All heavy atoms as atom14 arrays in JSON, in Angstrom:
{
  "sequence": "VYNIVDGVEGDTVDDPESVFHGKRMKNGWKNSAPWVYDIDPEKV",
  "atom14_mask": [
    [1, 1, 1, 1, 1, 1, 1, 0, 0, 0, 0, 0, 0, 0],
    [1, 1, 1, 1, 1, 1, 1, 1, 1, 1, 1, 1, 0, 0],
    [1, 1, 1, 1, 1, 1, 1, 1, 0, 0, 0, 0, 0, 0],
    [1, 1, 1, 1, 1, 1, 1, 1, 0, 0, 0, 0, 0, 0],
    [1, 1, 1, 1, 1, 1, 1, 0, 0, 0, 0, 0, 0, 0],
    [1, 1, 1, 1, 1, 1, 1, 1, 0, 0, 0, 0, 0, 0],
    [1, 1, 1, 1, 0, 0, 0, 0, 0, 0, 0, 0, 0, 0],
    [1, 1, 1, 1, 1, 1, 1, 0, 0, 0, 0, 0, 0, 0],
    [1, 1, 1, 1, 1, 1, 1, 1, 1, 0, 0, 0, 0, 0],
    [1, 1, 1, 1, 0, 0, 0, 0, 0, 0, 0, 0, 0, 0],
    [1, 1, 1, 1, 1, 1, 1, 1, 0, 0, 0, 0, 0, 0],
    [1, 1, 1, 1, 1, 1, 1, 0, 0, 0, 0, 0, 0, 0],
    [1, 1, 1, 1, 1, 1, 1, 0, 0, 0, 0, 0, 0, 0],
    [1, 1, 1, 1, 1, 1, 1, 1, 0, 0, 0, 0, 0, 0],
    [1, 1, 1, 1, 1, 1, 1, 1, 0, 0, 0, 0, 0, 0],
    [1, 1, 1, 1, 1, 1, 1, 0, 0, 0, 0, 0, 0, 0],
    [1, 1, 1, 1, 1, 1, 1, 1, 1, 0, 0, 0, 0, 0],
    [1, 1, 1, 1, 1, 1, 0, 0, 0, 0, 0, 0, 0, 0],
    [1, 1, 1, 1, 1, 1, 1, 0, 0, 0, 0, 0, 0, 0],
    [1, 1, 1, 1, 1, 1, 1, 1, 1, 1, 1, 0, 0, 0],
    [1, 1, 1, 1, 1, 1, 1, 1, 1, 1, 0, 0, 0, 0],
    [1, 1, 1, 1, 0, 0, 0, 0, 0, 0, 0, 0, 0, 0],
    [1, 1, 1, 1, 1, 1, 1, 1, 1, 0, 0, 0, 0, 0],
    [1, 1, 1, 1, 1, 1, 1, 1, 1, 1, 1, 0, 0, 0],
    [1, 1, 1, 1, 1, 1, 1, 1, 0, 0, 0, 0, 0, 0],
    [1, 1, 1, 1, 1, 1, 1, 1, 1, 0, 0, 0, 0, 0],
    [1, 1, 1, 1, 1, 1, 1, 1, 0, 0, 0, 0, 0, 0],
    [1, 1, 1, 1, 0, 0, 0, 0, 0, 0, 0, 0, 0, 0],
    [1, 1, 1, 1, 1, 1, 1, 1, 1, 1, 1, 1, 1, 1],
    [1, 1, 1, 1, 1, 1, 1, 1, 1, 0, 0, 0, 0, 0],
    [1, 1, 1, 1, 1, 1, 1, 1, 0, 0, 0, 0, 0, 0],
    [1, 1, 1, 1, 1, 1, 0, 0, 0, 0, 0, 0, 0, 0],
    [1, 1, 1, 1, 1, 0, 0, 0, 0, 0, 0, 0, 0, 0],
    [1, 1, 1, 1, 1, 1, 1, 0, 0, 0, 0, 0, 0, 0],
    [1, 1, 1, 1, 1, 1, 1, 1, 1, 1, 1, 1, 1, 1],
    [1, 1, 1, 1, 1, 1, 1, 0, 0, 0, 0, 0, 0, 0],
    [1, 1, 1, 1, 1, 1, 1, 1, 1, 1, 1, 1, 0, 0],
    [1, 1, 1, 1, 1, 1, 1, 1, 0, 0, 0, 0, 0, 0],
    [1, 1, 1, 1, 1, 1, 1, 1, 0, 0, 0, 0, 0, 0],
    [1, 1, 1, 1, 1, 1, 1, 1, 0, 0, 0, 0, 0, 0],
    [1, 1, 1, 1, 1, 1, 1, 0, 0, 0, 0, 0, 0, 0],
    [1, 1, 1, 1, 1, 1, 1, 1, 1, 0, 0, 0, 0, 0],
    [1, 1, 1, 1, 1, 1, 1, 1, 1, 0, 0, 0, 0, 0],
    [1, 1, 1, 1, 1, 1, 1, 0, 0, 0, 0, 0, 0, 0]
  ],
  "atom14_positions": [
    [[153.66, 98.6, 97.6], [153.0, 99.96, 97.6], [151.45, 99.73, 97.61], [150.86, 99.14, 96.65], [153.38, 100.86, 96.41], [152.94, 102.21, 96.56], [154.88, 100.87, 96.27], [0.0, 0.0, 0.0], [0.0, 0.0, 0.0], [0.0, 0.0, 0.0], [0.0, 0.0, 0.0], [0.0, 0.0, 0.0], [0.0, 0.0, 0.0], [0.0, 0.0, 0.0]],
    [[150.86, 100.18, 98.6], [149.41, 99.99, 98.83], [148.63, 101.2, 98.55], [149.09, 102.36, 98.85], [149.07, 99.61, 100.32], [149.51, 98.22, 100.66], [150.82, 97.93, 100.86], [148.53, 97.2, 100.87], [151.26, 96.66, 101.33], [148.97, 95.93, 101.34], [150.32, 95.65, 101.54], [150.71, 94.48, 101.96], [0.0, 0.0, 0.0], [0.0, 0.0, 0.0]],
    [[147.49, 101.11, 97.98], [146.56, 102.27, 97.75], [145.63, 102.35, 98.97], [144.88, 101.37, 99.19], [145.79, 102.14, 96.46], [144.91, 103.41, 96.17], [145.24, 104.44, 96.74], [143.95, 103.24, 95.33], [0.0, 0.0, 0.0], [0.0, 0.0, 0.0], [0.0, 0.0, 0.0], [0.0, 0.0, 0.0], [0.0, 0.0, 0.0], [0.0, 0.0, 0.0]],
    [[145.52, 103.49, 99.58], [144.61, 103.7, 100.68], [143.29, 104.15, 99.91], [143.17, 105.28, 99.59], [145.08, 104.73, 101.7], [146.42, 104.33, 102.35], [143.94, 105.04, 102.76], [146.99, 105.43, 103.25], [0.0, 0.0, 0.0], [0.0, 0.0, 0.0], [0.0, 0.0, 0.0], [0.0, 0.0, 0.0], [0.0, 0.0, 0.0], [0.0, 0.0, 0.0]],
    [[142.41, 103.19, 99.82], [141.28, 103.37, 98.91], [140.31, 104.45, 99.33], [139.55, 104.97, 98.47], [140.59, 102.02, 98.67], [141.56, 101.04, 98.03], [140.09, 101.49, 99.97], [0.0, 0.0, 0.0], [0.0, 0.0, 0.0], [0.0, 0.0, 0.0], [0.0, 0.0, 0.0], [0.0, 0.0, 0.0], [0.0, 0.0, 0.0], [0.0, 0.0, 0.0]],
    [[140.17, 104.79, 100.6], [139.24, 105.81, 101.02], [139.91, 107.13, 101.32], [139.24, 108.13, 101.57], [138.38, 105.43, 102.17], [139.28, 104.79, 103.32], [140.49, 104.52, 103.11], [138.73, 104.57, 104.47], [0.0, 0.0, 0.0], [0.0, 0.0, 0.0], [0.0, 0.0, 0.0], [0.0, 0.0, 0.0], [0.0, 0.0, 0.0], [0.0, 0.0, 0.0]],
    [[141.26, 107.24, 101.07], [141.95, 108.52, 101.15], [141.86, 109.24, 102.44], [141.63, 108.67, 103.55], [0.0, 0.0, 0.0], [0.0, 0.0, 0.0], [0.0, 0.0, 0.0], [0.0, 0.0, 0.0], [0.0, 0.0, 0.0], [0.0, 0.0, 0.0], [0.0, 0.0, 0.0], [0.0, 0.0, 0.0], [0.0, 0.0, 0.0], [0.0, 0.0, 0.0]],
    [[142.04, 110.5, 102.37], [142.08, 111.39, 103.6], [140.66, 111.81, 103.91], [140.21, 111.8, 105.1], [143.01, 112.58, 103.45], [142.88, 113.53, 104.65], [144.42, 112.19, 103.3], [0.0, 0.0, 0.0], [0.0, 0.0, 0.0], [0.0, 0.0, 0.0], [0.0, 0.0, 0.0], [0.0, 0.0, 0.0], [0.0, 0.0, 0.0], [0.0, 0.0, 0.0]],
    [[139.89, 112.24, 102.94], [138.52, 112.69, 103.15], [137.48, 111.69, 103.12], [136.41, 111.82, 103.72], [138.21, 113.84, 102.17], [139.09, 115.15, 102.33], [138.67, 116.18, 101.36], [137.52, 116.64, 101.56], [139.45, 116.63, 100.57], [0.0, 0.0, 0.0], [0.0, 0.0, 0.0], [0.0, 0.0, 0.0], [0.0, 0.0, 0.0], [0.0, 0.0, 0.0]],
    [[137.77, 110.62, 102.46], [136.79, 109.46, 102.37], [135.78, 109.62, 101.21], [135.71, 110.57, 100.33], [0.0, 0.0, 0.0], [0.0, 0.0, 0.0], [0.0, 0.0, 0.0], [0.0, 0.0, 0.0], [0.0, 0.0, 0.0], [0.0, 0.0, 0.0], [0.0, 0.0, 0.0], [0.0, 0.0, 0.0], [0.0, 0.0, 0.0], [0.0, 0.0, 0.0]],
    [[134.88, 108.62, 101.16], [133.89, 108.64, 100.14], [132.61, 109.38, 100.6], [132.47, 109.69, 101.8], [133.45, 107.16, 99.81], [134.59, 106.39, 99.2], [135.19, 106.83, 98.21], [134.92, 105.28, 99.69], [0.0, 0.0, 0.0], [0.0, 0.0, 0.0], [0.0, 0.0, 0.0], [0.0, 0.0, 0.0], [0.0, 0.0, 0.0], [0.0, 0.0, 0.0]],
    [[131.8, 109.71, 99.68], [130.57, 110.51, 100.06], [129.45, 109.7, 100.63], [129.29, 108.54, 100.31], [130.05, 111.32, 98.86], [129.76, 110.37, 97.8], [130.98, 112.37, 98.31], [0.0, 0.0, 0.0], [0.0, 0.0, 0.0], [0.0, 0.0, 0.0], [0.0, 0.0, 0.0], [0.0, 0.0, 0.0], [0.0, 0.0, 0.0], [0.0, 0.0, 0.0]],
    [[128.69, 110.2, 101.51], [127.56, 109.52, 102.12], [126.48, 109.49, 101.14], [126.13, 110.55, 100.54], [127.1, 110.26, 103.42], [125.79, 109.72, 103.94], [128.22, 110.27, 104.47], [0.0, 0.0, 0.0], [0.0, 0.0, 0.0], [0.0, 0.0, 0.0], [0.0, 0.0, 0.0], [0.0, 0.0, 0.0], [0.0, 0.0, 0.0], [0.0, 0.0, 0.0]],
    [[125.89, 108.36, 100.84], [124.81, 108.22, 99.93], [123.5, 107.83, 100.69], [123.09, 106.79, 100.7], [125.1, 107.11, 98.88], [124.09, 107.04, 97.75], [123.2, 108.02, 97.75], [124.01, 106.07, 97.01], [0.0, 0.0, 0.0], [0.0, 0.0, 0.0], [0.0, 0.0, 0.0], [0.0, 0.0, 0.0], [0.0, 0.0, 0.0], [0.0, 0.0, 0.0]],
    [[122.93, 108.92, 101.27], [121.71, 108.68, 102.07], [120.92, 110.01, 102.05], [121.15, 110.94, 102.8], [122.01, 108.3, 103.45], [120.82, 108.08, 104.3], [119.66, 108.2, 103.8], [120.96, 107.82, 105.56], [0.0, 0.0, 0.0], [0.0, 0.0, 0.0], [0.0, 0.0, 0.0], [0.0, 0.0, 0.0], [0.0, 0.0, 0.0], [0.0, 0.0, 0.0]],
    [[119.97, 110.16, 101.16], [119.13, 111.34, 101.04], [118.46, 111.81, 102.34], [118.16, 112.99, 102.51], [118.03, 111.06, 99.98], [118.72, 109.92, 99.2], [119.49, 109.12, 100.12], [0.0, 0.0, 0.0], [0.0, 0.0, 0.0], [0.0, 0.0, 0.0], [0.0, 0.0, 0.0], [0.0, 0.0, 0.0], [0.0, 0.0, 0.0], [0.0, 0.0, 0.0]],
    [[118.34, 110.88, 103.24], [117.65, 111.1, 104.59], [118.64, 111.7, 105.6], [118.29, 112.22, 106.62], [117.03, 109.98, 105.12], [115.93, 109.29, 104.26], [114.8, 110.27, 104.01], [114.44, 111.0, 104.89], [114.34, 110.35, 102.83], [0.0, 0.0, 0.0], [0.0, 0.0, 0.0], [0.0, 0.0, 0.0], [0.0, 0.0, 0.0], [0.0, 0.0, 0.0]],
    [[119.94, 111.63, 105.26], [120.99, 112.11, 106.18], [121.32, 113.53, 105.92], [121.39, 114.04, 104.77], [122.23, 111.22, 106.08], [123.24, 111.76, 106.83], [0.0, 0.0, 0.0], [0.0, 0.0, 0.0], [0.0, 0.0, 0.0], [0.0, 0.0, 0.0], [0.0, 0.0, 0.0], [0.0, 0.0, 0.0], [0.0, 0.0, 0.0], [0.0, 0.0, 0.0]],
    [[121.65, 114.27, 107.02], [122.11, 115.65, 106.84], [123.55, 115.65, 106.19], [124.08, 116.67, 105.71], [122.17, 116.46, 108.14], [120.78, 116.62, 108.72], [123.1, 115.71, 109.16], [0.0, 0.0, 0.0], [0.0, 0.0, 0.0], [0.0, 0.0, 0.0], [0.0, 0.0, 0.0], [0.0, 0.0, 0.0], [0.0, 0.0, 0.0], [0.0, 0.0, 0.0]],
    [[124.18, 114.48, 106.21], [125.5, 114.4, 105.65], [125.54, 113.79, 104.19], [126.53, 113.49, 103.66], [126.43, 113.49, 106.45], [126.49, 113.93, 107.98], [125.98, 113.18, 109.0], [127.07, 115.14, 108.24], [126.22, 113.56, 110.2], [127.11, 115.68, 109.5], [126.69, 114.86, 110.53], [0.0, 0.0, 0.0], [0.0, 0.0, 0.0], [0.0, 0.0, 0.0]],
    [[124.35, 113.77, 103.58], [124.24, 113.23, 102.18], [125.18, 114.08, 101.28], [125.05, 115.32, 101.23], [122.78, 113.35, 101.67], [122.62, 112.87, 100.25], [122.87, 111.55, 99.89], [122.19, 113.53, 99.17], [122.59, 111.47, 98.64], [122.21, 112.62, 98.17], [0.0, 0.0, 0.0], [0.0, 0.0, 0.0], [0.0, 0.0, 0.0], [0.0, 0.0, 0.0]],
    [[125.94, 113.35, 100.57], [126.91, 114.06, 99.58], [128.17, 114.51, 100.21], [129.05, 115.02, 99.5], [0.0, 0.0, 0.0], [0.0, 0.0, 0.0], [0.0, 0.0, 0.0], [0.0, 0.0, 0.0], [0.0, 0.0, 0.0], [0.0, 0.0, 0.0], [0.0, 0.0, 0.0], [0.0, 0.0, 0.0], [0.0, 0.0, 0.0], [0.0, 0.0, 0.0]],
    [[128.28, 114.42, 101.54], [129.44, 114.93, 102.14], [130.56, 113.78, 102.37], [130.07, 112.57, 102.47], [129.12, 115.43, 103.53], [128.1, 116.61, 103.52], [128.57, 117.74, 102.75], [127.56, 118.92, 102.91], [126.26, 118.66, 102.37], [0.0, 0.0, 0.0], [0.0, 0.0, 0.0], [0.0, 0.0, 0.0], [0.0, 0.0, 0.0], [0.0, 0.0, 0.0]],
    [[131.78, 114.03, 102.46], [132.85, 113.13, 102.55], [133.03, 112.71, 104.03], [133.92, 113.12, 104.67], [134.06, 113.52, 101.96], [133.94, 113.61, 100.42], [135.26, 113.88, 99.72], [135.07, 114.02, 98.31], [134.94, 112.83, 97.47], [135.13, 111.68, 98.0], [134.73, 113.0, 96.24], [0.0, 0.0, 0.0], [0.0, 0.0, 0.0], [0.0, 0.0, 0.0]],
    [[132.0, 111.98, 104.61], [132.06, 111.69, 105.99], [131.79, 110.13, 106.2], [131.44, 109.72, 107.33], [131.04, 112.47, 106.76], [131.24, 114.02, 106.7], [130.09, 114.97, 107.67], [130.61, 114.43, 109.31], [0.0, 0.0, 0.0], [0.0, 0.0, 0.0], [0.0, 0.0, 0.0], [0.0, 0.0, 0.0], [0.0, 0.0, 0.0], [0.0, 0.0, 0.0]],
    [[132.01, 109.4, 105.16], [131.63, 107.9, 105.16], [132.79, 107.08, 105.79], [132.61, 106.22, 106.49], [131.32, 107.51, 103.78], [130.86, 106.01, 103.72], [130.46, 105.65, 102.33], [130.08, 104.29, 102.14], [129.62, 103.9, 100.73], [0.0, 0.0, 0.0], [0.0, 0.0, 0.0], [0.0, 0.0, 0.0], [0.0, 0.0, 0.0], [0.0, 0.0, 0.0]],
    [[134.03, 107.51, 105.42], [135.27, 106.71, 105.83], [136.45, 107.73, 105.64], [136.26, 108.93, 105.84], [135.42, 105.46, 105.04], [135.18, 105.64, 103.53], [135.4, 106.66, 102.96], [134.65, 104.55, 102.83], [0.0, 0.0, 0.0], [0.0, 0.0, 0.0], [0.0, 0.0, 0.0], [0.0, 0.0, 0.0], [0.0, 0.0, 0.0], [0.0, 0.0, 0.0]],
    [[137.59, 107.2, 105.29], [138.73, 108.1, 105.08], [139.45, 108.34, 106.33], [138.96, 108.09, 107.42], [0.0, 0.0, 0.0], [0.0, 0.0, 0.0], [0.0, 0.0, 0.0], [0.0, 0.0, 0.0], [0.0, 0.0, 0.0], [0.0, 0.0, 0.0], [0.0, 0.0, 0.0], [0.0, 0.0, 0.0], [0.0, 0.0, 0.0], [0.0, 0.0, 0.0]],
    [[140.71, 108.79, 106.21], [141.61, 109.01, 107.37], [140.99, 109.94, 108.36], [141.07, 109.78, 109.57], [142.94, 109.53, 106.86], [143.97, 109.41, 107.88], [144.17, 110.22, 109.05], [145.05, 108.41, 107.94], [145.32, 109.74, 109.77], [145.79, 108.69, 109.13], [145.45, 107.35, 107.07], [146.94, 107.86, 109.48], [146.51, 106.58, 107.48], [147.23, 106.9, 108.61]],
    [[140.34, 111.11, 107.87], [139.88, 112.08, 108.8], [138.7, 111.57, 109.65], [138.32, 112.22, 110.63], [139.44, 113.39, 107.97], [140.61, 114.09, 107.4], [140.12, 115.4, 106.79], [139.79, 116.42, 107.85], [139.56, 117.74, 107.2], [0.0, 0.0, 0.0], [0.0, 0.0, 0.0], [0.0, 0.0, 0.0], [0.0, 0.0, 0.0], [0.0, 0.0, 0.0]],
    [[138.06, 110.54, 109.2], [136.86, 109.9, 109.98], [137.33, 108.65, 110.72], [136.37, 108.02, 111.33], [135.76, 109.66, 108.96], [135.25, 110.92, 108.27], [134.96, 111.85, 108.96], [135.27, 110.95, 106.92], [0.0, 0.0, 0.0], [0.0, 0.0, 0.0], [0.0, 0.0, 0.0], [0.0, 0.0, 0.0], [0.0, 0.0, 0.0], [0.0, 0.0, 0.0]],
    [[138.59, 108.29, 110.58], [138.89, 106.91, 111.22], [140.28, 106.88, 111.88], [140.59, 105.85, 112.51], [138.84, 105.8, 110.24], [139.58, 106.15, 108.99], [0.0, 0.0, 0.0], [0.0, 0.0, 0.0], [0.0, 0.0, 0.0], [0.0, 0.0, 0.0], [0.0, 0.0, 0.0], [0.0, 0.0, 0.0], [0.0, 0.0, 0.0], [0.0, 0.0, 0.0]],
    [[141.1, 107.9, 111.82], [142.48, 107.93, 112.37], [142.86, 109.4, 112.76], [142.3, 110.29, 112.2], [143.42, 107.24, 111.44], [0.0, 0.0, 0.0], [0.0, 0.0, 0.0], [0.0, 0.0, 0.0], [0.0, 0.0, 0.0], [0.0, 0.0, 0.0], [0.0, 0.0, 0.0], [0.0, 0.0, 0.0], [0.0, 0.0, 0.0], [0.0, 0.0, 0.0]],
    [[143.91, 109.51, 113.52], [144.29, 110.86, 113.93], [144.88, 111.69, 112.8], [145.55, 111.08, 111.91], [145.41, 110.63, 114.94], [145.15, 109.25, 115.45], [144.63, 108.5, 114.28], [0.0, 0.0, 0.0], [0.0, 0.0, 0.0], [0.0, 0.0, 0.0], [0.0, 0.0, 0.0], [0.0, 0.0, 0.0], [0.0, 0.0, 0.0], [0.0, 0.0, 0.0]],
    [[144.64, 113.01, 112.79], [145.13, 113.83, 111.68], [145.31, 115.23, 112.33], [144.86, 115.56, 113.35], [144.19, 113.84, 110.53], [142.79, 114.35, 110.85], [141.71, 113.65, 111.32], [142.27, 115.73, 110.72], [140.57, 114.39, 111.5], [140.89, 115.72, 111.14], [142.85, 116.9, 110.23], [140.11, 116.83, 111.07], [142.03, 117.99, 110.18], [140.68, 118.0, 110.65]],
    [[146.07, 116.03, 111.55], [146.51, 117.36, 112.05], [146.43, 118.37, 110.94], [146.38, 118.05, 109.78], [147.93, 117.3, 112.68], [147.97, 116.34, 113.81], [149.0, 116.92, 111.58], [0.0, 0.0, 0.0], [0.0, 0.0, 0.0], [0.0, 0.0, 0.0], [0.0, 0.0, 0.0], [0.0, 0.0, 0.0], [0.0, 0.0, 0.0], [0.0, 0.0, 0.0]],
    [[146.52, 119.69, 111.33], [146.69, 120.69, 110.38], [148.2, 121.17, 110.48], [148.73, 121.73, 109.48], [145.88, 121.92, 110.69], [144.35, 121.85, 110.39], [143.47, 121.8, 111.41], [143.98, 121.66, 109.03], [142.07, 121.67, 111.1], [142.64, 121.53, 108.76], [141.66, 121.55, 109.72], [140.43, 121.42, 109.46], [0.0, 0.0, 0.0], [0.0, 0.0, 0.0]],
    [[148.86, 121.0, 111.57], [150.24, 121.36, 111.75], [151.1, 120.73, 110.74], [151.0, 119.63, 110.38], [150.77, 121.03, 113.17], [149.88, 121.75, 114.22], [149.41, 122.82, 113.93], [149.92, 121.22, 115.35], [0.0, 0.0, 0.0], [0.0, 0.0, 0.0], [0.0, 0.0, 0.0], [0.0, 0.0, 0.0], [0.0, 0.0, 0.0], [0.0, 0.0, 0.0]],
    [[152.15, 121.54, 110.15], [153.01, 121.05, 109.12], [154.45, 120.94, 109.57], [154.94, 121.89, 110.17], [152.84, 121.93, 107.89], [151.39, 121.85, 107.32], [153.9, 121.58, 106.88], [151.23, 122.85, 106.18], [0.0, 0.0, 0.0], [0.0, 0.0, 0.0], [0.0, 0.0, 0.0], [0.0, 0.0, 0.0], [0.0, 0.0, 0.0], [0.0, 0.0, 0.0]],
    [[155.05, 119.84, 109.28], [156.51, 119.64, 109.43], [157.05, 119.94, 108.04], [156.96, 119.06, 107.13], [156.85, 118.27, 109.93], [158.33, 118.05, 110.0], [159.12, 118.9, 109.63], [158.67, 116.9, 110.47], [0.0, 0.0, 0.0], [0.0, 0.0, 0.0], [0.0, 0.0, 0.0], [0.0, 0.0, 0.0], [0.0, 0.0, 0.0], [0.0, 0.0, 0.0]],
    [[157.74, 121.13, 107.8], [158.34, 121.41, 106.48], [159.12, 120.37, 105.89], [159.26, 120.27, 104.67], [159.03, 122.72, 106.76], [158.43, 123.29, 107.99], [158.04, 122.16, 108.84], [0.0, 0.0, 0.0], [0.0, 0.0, 0.0], [0.0, 0.0, 0.0], [0.0, 0.0, 0.0], [0.0, 0.0, 0.0], [0.0, 0.0, 0.0], [0.0, 0.0, 0.0]],
    [[159.82, 119.6, 106.8], [160.74, 118.58, 106.29], [159.98, 117.36, 105.63], [160.57, 116.54, 104.89], [161.59, 118.0, 107.43], [162.58, 118.97, 107.94], [163.59, 119.45, 106.88], [164.15, 118.55, 106.18], [163.8, 120.67, 106.77], [0.0, 0.0, 0.0], [0.0, 0.0, 0.0], [0.0, 0.0, 0.0], [0.0, 0.0, 0.0], [0.0, 0.0, 0.0]],
    [[158.69, 117.3, 105.84], [157.87, 116.27, 105.21], [157.13, 116.67, 103.97], [156.32, 115.96, 103.45], [156.96, 115.67, 106.32], [157.63, 114.89, 107.34], [156.67, 114.17, 108.26], [157.32, 113.28, 109.25], [157.92, 112.08, 108.59], [0.0, 0.0, 0.0], [0.0, 0.0, 0.0], [0.0, 0.0, 0.0], [0.0, 0.0, 0.0], [0.0, 0.0, 0.0]],
    [[157.35, 117.93, 103.51], [156.77, 118.42, 102.29], [157.86, 118.45, 101.2], [158.77, 119.25, 101.3], [156.11, 119.74, 102.45], [155.46, 120.24, 101.2], [155.05, 119.72, 103.58], [0.0, 0.0, 0.0], [0.0, 0.0, 0.0], [0.0, 0.0, 0.0], [0.0, 0.0, 0.0], [0.0, 0.0, 0.0], [0.0, 0.0, 0.0], [0.0, 0.0, 0.0]]
  ]
}
């Protein structure tokens, strides 16, 4: 069992000069792999 260390949303950007400072746009599944909003009820 592996821990996906940056999760779905990722870690926060630490750059006061960036418009993304403090936002979860550094890594994570949503910033590096395909994702959806659609839900398969059998998987919940």
